[in-house]
Amino acid sequence: MWPNSRRTGAALKILHLCCAPTGLRGGVEGRQRRVYRCMSTSGPPWKLLFFGSDHFALESLKLLTASRSSSANIVESLEVVTLSADVPVTRFAQQNHLQVHRWPPENVDGRFDVGVVVSFGCLLHEKLINKFPHGILNVHPSLLPRWRGPAPVFHTILHGDTVTGVTVMQIRPHRFDVGPILNQELHQVPENCTAEELGAALAEKGAHLLIDTLMTLSERMAHKTEQSKTGATFAPKISGSMSWMVWEEQTCDQIDRLYRAIGSRIPLRTMWMGRTIKLLEFVGKCHISLSDQKRKPVPGSVTYQRESNTLAVC
């Protein structure tokens, strides 16, 4: 993914004892969380295991790390799971002396209250989810069920959405981004915003929303809402095939959004005199007057504007 403020809370002592599971709740929630005779209290401070990788995840990890020593007393302990040694989350964890686990984690039984997943990229199996008495939370940069999948920020820009947001949901096994919603906050998409700019804003907003959710987790769990069965869209990973510009088919606005969505990662491409060329700099759309007023612009046609030294593509 490329793939976001409130700080109050009660301090409760967590008691962990060794005890055997006494049974399972029925239905989906029963399969997701075992009922223990003795388990952690229903409020913070929490013992957390964080799953993440990139810069979007890093914002949440930074705030969780700071929360360990804050007066809000939300986080008692924090450990990290990553997929690689060369990602922002791993580097930050090592610099801040957080214990780092490689994927898949081992020996997590009875050690954590809650799991937190932010831009991790791997599906968590039901067996792992069941090891967390209070489940596993996910911070997702869209207003679910819109833009499920690995690249919601890019598709928000690409499709011209004017409103987006962040969602904190409960992880369910087998499928990405389908669990019940615990918390959600809207975000207006600034005009001419790039995917990088929007992602940074949502990362910060999502980090604060995560803290807010952890402060009142038991209440959030009790009032969680299932995602709507309508309005779901999928946000697949961006790829090189998306970078092609077809002048005859795409409008100026569509090309502008395409550049703002993926241009910083994948140069836009087009055909010029039978050759593929990359467009490394995009000035944006503009309104020009043709020197020949009788000439009707044809999509894909190129005109040189001597007065402004501009090569205009209609």
Protein backbone atom coordinates (compact mmCIF):
# COMPACT_ATOMS: atom_id res chain seq x y z
CA MET A 1 0.00 0.00 0.00
CA TRP A 2 1.07 3.59 -0.56
CA PRO A 3 -0.49 3.19 0.11
CA ASN A 4 -3.66 9.48 9.53
CA SER A 5 -6.41 13.27 17.94
CA ARG A 6 -7.33 12.52 21.01
CA ARG A 7 -5.49 11.42 24.13
CA THR A 8 -7.26 10.43 27.30
CA GLY A 9 -7.66 7.11 28.99
CA ALA A 10 -7.84 5.16 32.22
CA ALA A 11 -4.93 3.28 33.72
CA LEU A 12 -5.83 -0.32 34.49
CA LYS A 13 -3.49 -3.02 35.69
CA ILE A 14 -3.43 -6.08 33.43
CA LEU A 15 -3.34 -9.50 35.09
CA HIS A 16 -2.10 -12.47 33.09
CA LEU A 17 -2.42 -15.98 34.46
CA CYS A 18 -1.81 -19.34 32.91
CA CYS A 19 -5.14 -20.91 32.11
CA ALA A 20 -6.65 -23.25 29.59
CA PRO A 21 -9.36 -22.26 27.11
CA THR A 22 -12.83 -23.06 28.37
CA GLY A 23 -14.64 -23.03 25.05
CA LEU A 24 -15.55 -21.11 21.92
CA ARG A 25 -18.22 -18.57 21.22
CA GLY A 26 -20.59 -19.48 18.43
CA GLY A 27 -20.55 -18.11 14.88
CA VAL A 28 -17.86 -16.05 13.19
CA GLU A 29 -16.82 -14.25 16.37
CA GLY A 30 -16.47 -17.57 18.12
CA ARG A 31 -14.01 -18.78 15.54
CA GLN A 32 -12.13 -15.51 15.76
CA ARG A 33 -11.59 -15.20 19.50
CA ARG A 34 -11.34 -17.89 22.18
CA VAL A 35 -12.91 -17.30 25.57
CA TYR A 36 -10.48 -17.74 28.44
CA ARG A 37 -11.38 -18.12 32.08
CA CYS A 38 -8.58 -15.70 32.89
CA MET A 39 -7.48 -13.11 30.35
CA SER A 40 -6.39 -9.48 30.19
CA THR A 41 -8.68 -6.75 31.43
CA SER A 42 -11.05 -5.07 29.01
CA GLY A 43 -9.21 -1.75 28.96
CA PRO A 44 -5.78 -0.20 28.47
CA PRO A 45 -2.85 -0.27 28.88
CA TRP A 46 -2.50 -2.90 26.17
CA LYS A 47 0.24 -5.33 25.28
CA LEU A 48 0.50 -4.86 21.52
CA LEU A 49 2.02 -6.69 18.58
CA PHE A 50 2.34 -4.42 15.54
CA PHE A 51 2.44 -5.70 11.94
CA GLY A 52 3.68 -3.16 9.35
CA SER A 53 6.19 -2.26 6.69
CA ASP A 54 6.11 1.09 4.88
CA HIS A 55 5.93 4.83 5.63
CA PHE A 56 2.15 4.72 6.01
CA ALA A 57 2.51 2.13 8.77
CA LEU A 58 5.37 4.06 10.34
CA GLU A 59 3.12 6.92 11.48
CA SER A 60 0.99 4.56 13.56
CA LEU A 61 4.05 2.85 15.03
CA LYS A 62 5.56 6.21 16.02
CA LEU A 63 2.42 7.23 17.89
CA LEU A 64 2.12 3.85 19.60
CA THR A 65 5.77 4.07 20.66
CA ALA A 66 5.23 7.54 22.11
CA SER A 67 2.10 6.31 23.91
CA ARG A 68 4.14 3.93 26.04
CA SER A 69 5.41 6.85 28.11
CA SER A 70 2.42 9.19 27.83
CA SER A 71 0.06 10.03 30.68
CA ALA A 72 -2.79 8.44 28.73
CA ASN A 73 -1.30 5.03 29.60
CA ILE A 74 -2.60 3.27 26.48
CA VAL A 75 0.34 0.98 25.64
CA GLU A 76 2.08 -1.22 28.20
CA SER A 77 4.38 -3.06 25.82
CA LEU A 78 5.01 -2.99 22.07
CA GLU A 79 6.71 -5.44 19.72
CA VAL A 80 6.88 -5.46 15.91
CA VAL A 81 6.47 -7.96 13.05
CA THR A 82 7.94 -7.07 9.64
CA LEU A 83 8.46 -8.78 6.31
CA SER A 84 11.95 -7.44 5.61
CA ALA A 85 14.96 -5.94 7.36
CA ASP A 86 15.05 -3.09 4.84
CA VAL A 87 11.73 -1.32 5.40
CA PRO A 88 10.91 1.86 7.38
CA VAL A 89 9.10 0.00 10.17
CA THR A 90 12.06 -2.31 10.83
CA ARG A 91 14.56 0.54 10.89
CA PHE A 92 12.43 2.59 13.28
CA ALA A 93 11.86 -0.41 15.58
CA GLN A 94 15.58 -1.13 15.78
CA GLN A 95 16.43 2.51 16.42
CA ASN A 96 13.90 2.63 19.25
CA HIS A 97 14.85 -0.74 20.75
CA LEU A 98 11.57 -2.47 19.97
CA GLN A 99 11.73 -6.25 19.68
CA VAL A 100 11.38 -7.25 16.01
CA HIS A 101 9.87 -10.56 14.86
CA ARG A 102 10.23 -11.88 11.33
CA TRP A 103 7.14 -13.12 9.55
CA PRO A 104 5.48 -15.41 10.52
CA PRO A 105 5.86 -14.65 14.25
CA GLU A 106 6.46 -17.42 16.74
CA ASN A 107 5.77 -17.76 20.46
CA VAL A 108 2.98 -15.17 20.66
CA ASP A 109 0.61 -17.33 22.74
CA GLY A 110 -0.57 -15.46 25.84
CA ARG A 111 1.89 -12.59 25.37
CA PHE A 112 -0.31 -9.94 23.75
CA ASP A 113 -3.77 -8.43 24.23
CA VAL A 114 -4.25 -6.84 20.82
CA GLY A 115 -2.68 -7.01 17.37
CA VAL A 116 -2.43 -3.99 15.06
CA VAL A 117 -1.95 -4.31 11.29
CA VAL A 118 -1.08 -1.28 9.16
CA SER A 119 -0.02 -1.66 5.52
CA PHE A 120 1.46 -5.11 6.07
CA GLY A 121 0.61 -6.94 2.86
CA CYS A 122 0.09 -10.49 4.16
CA LEU A 123 -3.15 -12.24 5.02
CA LEU A 124 -3.25 -13.30 8.67
CA HIS A 125 -4.50 -16.82 9.29
CA GLU A 126 -7.32 -17.59 11.68
CA LYS A 127 -5.02 -19.54 13.98
CA LEU A 128 -2.87 -16.44 14.52
CA ILE A 129 -5.86 -14.11 14.95
CA ASN A 130 -7.24 -16.37 17.69
CA LYS A 131 -4.10 -15.84 19.78
CA PHE A 132 -5.15 -12.24 20.56
CA PRO A 133 -7.90 -12.03 23.22
CA HIS A 134 -9.10 -8.66 21.92
CA GLY A 135 -8.56 -9.41 18.24
CA ILE A 136 -6.42 -7.69 15.63
CA LEU A 137 -7.12 -4.18 14.36
CA ASN A 138 -6.34 -2.77 10.93
CA VAL A 139 -5.86 0.87 9.89
CA HIS A 140 -7.00 1.27 6.28
CA PRO A 141 -6.76 4.53 4.24
CA SER A 142 -10.27 4.66 2.78
CA LEU A 143 -13.89 4.76 3.86
CA LEU A 144 -14.58 1.05 3.69
CA PRO A 145 -16.17 -0.70 1.89
CA ARG A 146 -14.93 1.68 -0.82
CA TRP A 147 -11.43 0.84 -2.04
CA ARG A 148 -10.69 -2.46 -0.40
CA GLY A 149 -7.31 -3.78 -1.41
CA PRO A 150 -3.62 -2.82 -1.45
CA ALA A 151 -3.71 0.59 -3.19
CA PRO A 152 -6.68 2.64 -1.94
CA VAL A 153 -4.89 6.01 -1.94
CA PHE A 154 -3.85 5.71 -5.59
CA HIS A 155 -7.34 4.78 -6.71
CA THR A 156 -8.85 7.62 -4.68
CA ILE A 157 -6.80 10.09 -6.74
CA LEU A 158 -7.14 8.18 -10.01
CA HIS A 159 -10.96 8.16 -9.85
CA GLY A 160 -11.30 11.76 -8.71
CA ASP A 161 -12.84 11.12 -5.29
CA THR A 162 -13.39 14.38 -3.41
CA VAL A 163 -13.92 12.72 -0.02
CA THR A 164 -12.04 9.82 1.50
CA GLY A 165 -10.99 8.92 5.03
CA VAL A 166 -9.50 6.28 7.29
CA THR A 167 -11.11 3.20 8.82
CA VAL A 168 -10.12 1.15 11.83
CA MET A 169 -11.60 -2.30 11.39
CA GLN A 170 -11.33 -5.71 13.03
CA ILE A 171 -9.36 -8.28 11.05
CA ARG A 172 -11.21 -11.36 9.88
CA PRO A 173 -9.54 -14.41 8.30
CA HIS A 174 -9.55 -15.49 4.66
CA ARG A 175 -10.16 -12.08 3.00
CA PHE A 176 -8.65 -8.60 3.14
CA ASP A 177 -10.57 -5.53 4.36
CA VAL A 178 -13.96 -7.14 5.04
CA GLY A 179 -14.12 -7.04 8.85
CA PRO A 180 -16.48 -4.97 10.99
CA ILE A 181 -15.81 -1.24 11.36
CA LEU A 182 -14.79 0.06 14.79
CA ASN A 183 -13.97 3.66 13.92
CA GLN A 184 -14.02 5.88 10.84
CA GLU A 185 -13.12 9.49 10.02
CA LEU A 186 -13.69 11.50 6.85
CA HIS A 187 -11.03 13.49 5.01
CA GLN A 188 -11.56 16.02 2.24
CA VAL A 189 -9.25 15.37 -0.72
CA PRO A 190 -7.45 18.64 -1.56
CA GLU A 191 -7.64 19.83 -5.14
CA ASN A 192 -4.63 18.79 -7.26
CA CYS A 193 -3.40 16.54 -4.44
CA THR A 194 -0.94 13.75 -5.29
CA ALA A 195 -1.13 10.21 -3.96
CA GLU A 196 1.99 10.84 -1.85
CA GLU A 197 0.49 13.95 -0.26
CA LEU A 198 -2.83 12.27 0.43
CA GLY A 199 -1.14 9.16 1.81
CA ALA A 200 0.90 11.22 4.26
CA ALA A 201 -2.20 13.04 5.51
CA LEU A 202 -4.16 9.81 5.92
CA ALA A 203 -1.24 8.10 7.68
CA GLU A 204 -1.23 10.81 10.34
CA LYS A 205 -5.01 10.81 10.67
CA GLY A 206 -5.09 7.00 10.84
CA ALA A 207 -2.48 6.93 13.60
CA HIS A 208 -4.56 9.23 15.81
CA LEU A 209 -7.73 7.29 15.00
CA LEU A 210 -5.97 4.09 16.08
CA ILE A 211 -5.06 5.62 19.45
CA ASP A 212 -8.63 6.83 19.87
CA THR A 213 -9.89 3.31 19.13
CA LEU A 214 -7.50 1.65 21.58
CA MET A 215 -8.57 4.03 24.35
CA THR A 216 -12.16 2.80 24.11
CA LEU A 217 -11.64 -0.58 22.48
CA SER A 218 -14.15 -2.58 24.52
CA GLU A 219 -16.88 -0.06 23.80
CA ARG A 220 -15.93 0.04 20.11
CA MET A 221 -16.07 -3.75 19.93
CA ALA A 222 -19.50 -3.78 21.53
CA HIS A 223 -20.84 -1.30 18.94
CA LYS A 224 -18.93 -2.40 15.82
CA THR A 225 -20.82 -2.34 12.53
CA GLU A 226 -20.61 -4.73 9.62
CA GLN A 227 -19.53 -3.22 6.32
CA SER A 228 -22.27 -2.34 3.87
CA LYS A 229 -23.00 -4.91 1.21
CA THR A 230 -23.28 -2.10 -1.34
CA GLY A 231 -20.68 0.39 -2.48
CA ALA A 232 -17.71 -1.97 -2.23
CA THR A 233 -14.90 -1.31 -4.72
CA PHE A 234 -11.48 -2.91 -5.15
CA ALA A 235 -8.15 -1.08 -5.34
CA PRO A 236 -5.59 -3.37 -7.00
CA LYS A 237 -1.87 -2.70 -6.95
CA ILE A 238 -0.63 -0.16 -9.47
CA SER A 239 1.37 -1.54 -12.37
CA GLY A 240 3.26 -0.37 -15.42
CA SER A 241 0.31 -1.14 -17.65
CA MET A 242 -1.62 1.68 -15.98
CA SER A 243 0.88 4.30 -17.14
CA TRP A 244 -0.15 4.33 -20.82
CA MET A 245 -1.78 7.50 -22.10
CA VAL A 246 -4.17 7.11 -25.00
CA TRP A 247 -4.86 10.64 -26.17
CA GLU A 248 -7.87 9.68 -28.25
CA GLU A 249 -9.59 8.02 -25.29
CA GLN A 250 -8.57 9.97 -22.20
CA THR A 251 -9.63 13.47 -21.22
CA CYS A 252 -7.30 16.12 -19.82
CA ASP A 253 -8.75 15.54 -16.35
CA GLN A 254 -8.17 11.80 -16.56
CA ILE A 255 -4.54 12.24 -17.60
CA ASP A 256 -4.03 14.81 -14.84
CA ARG A 257 -5.40 12.39 -12.23
CA LEU A 258 -3.31 9.54 -13.64
CA TYR A 259 -0.15 11.58 -13.27
CA ARG A 260 -1.01 12.67 -9.71
CA ALA A 261 -1.84 9.07 -8.79
CA ILE A 262 1.17 7.19 -10.13
CA GLY A 263 3.49 9.64 -11.94
CA SER A 264 6.03 9.87 -9.12
CA ARG A 265 6.52 6.09 -9.15
CA ILE A 266 5.88 5.08 -12.74
CA PRO A 267 6.55 7.56 -15.58
CA LEU A 268 3.59 8.04 -17.90
CA ARG A 269 4.11 6.67 -21.41
CA THR A 270 2.74 7.33 -24.85
CA MET A 271 3.49 6.66 -28.51
CA TRP A 272 5.27 9.31 -30.58
CA MET A 273 6.06 8.72 -34.26
CA GLY A 274 5.93 4.97 -33.74
CA ARG A 275 8.13 4.99 -30.66
CA THR A 276 7.39 4.66 -26.93
CA ILE A 277 8.38 7.74 -24.96
CA LYS A 278 8.26 8.49 -21.23
CA LEU A 279 6.92 11.80 -20.03
CA LEU A 280 9.09 12.78 -17.10
CA GLU A 281 7.48 16.11 -16.29
CA PHE A 282 3.82 17.02 -16.44
CA VAL A 283 2.95 20.70 -16.35
CA GLY A 284 -0.77 20.12 -16.10
CA LYS A 285 -3.77 21.01 -18.16
CA CYS A 286 -4.21 24.50 -19.56
CA HIS A 287 -6.44 26.41 -21.95
CA ILE A 288 -4.86 27.64 -25.17
CA SER A 289 -6.04 29.36 -28.32
CA LEU A 290 -5.16 27.86 -31.66
CA SER A 291 -3.47 30.21 -34.12
CA ASP A 292 -5.79 28.91 -36.81
CA GLN A 293 -9.28 29.57 -35.46
CA LYS A 294 -10.87 27.54 -38.24
CA ARG A 295 -8.98 24.43 -37.26
CA LYS A 296 -10.90 22.05 -35.06
CA PRO A 297 -8.78 20.31 -32.38
CA VAL A 298 -8.54 16.54 -32.83
CA PRO A 299 -7.86 14.38 -29.75
CA GLY A 300 -4.24 13.29 -29.86
CA SER A 301 -3.13 16.06 -32.22
CA VAL A 302 -0.06 18.13 -31.38
CA THR A 303 0.27 21.87 -31.90
CA TYR A 304 3.33 24.05 -31.30
CA GLN A 305 2.50 27.42 -29.73
CA ARG A 306 5.27 29.78 -30.81
CA GLU A 307 4.15 32.61 -28.51
CA SER A 308 4.44 30.55 -25.34
CA ASN A 309 7.01 28.00 -26.60
CA THR A 310 4.54 25.26 -25.69
CA LEU A 311 3.88 21.91 -27.28
CA ALA A 312 0.15 21.37 -26.74
CA VAL A 313 -1.51 17.97 -27.00
CA CYS A 314 -5.25 18.09 -27.53
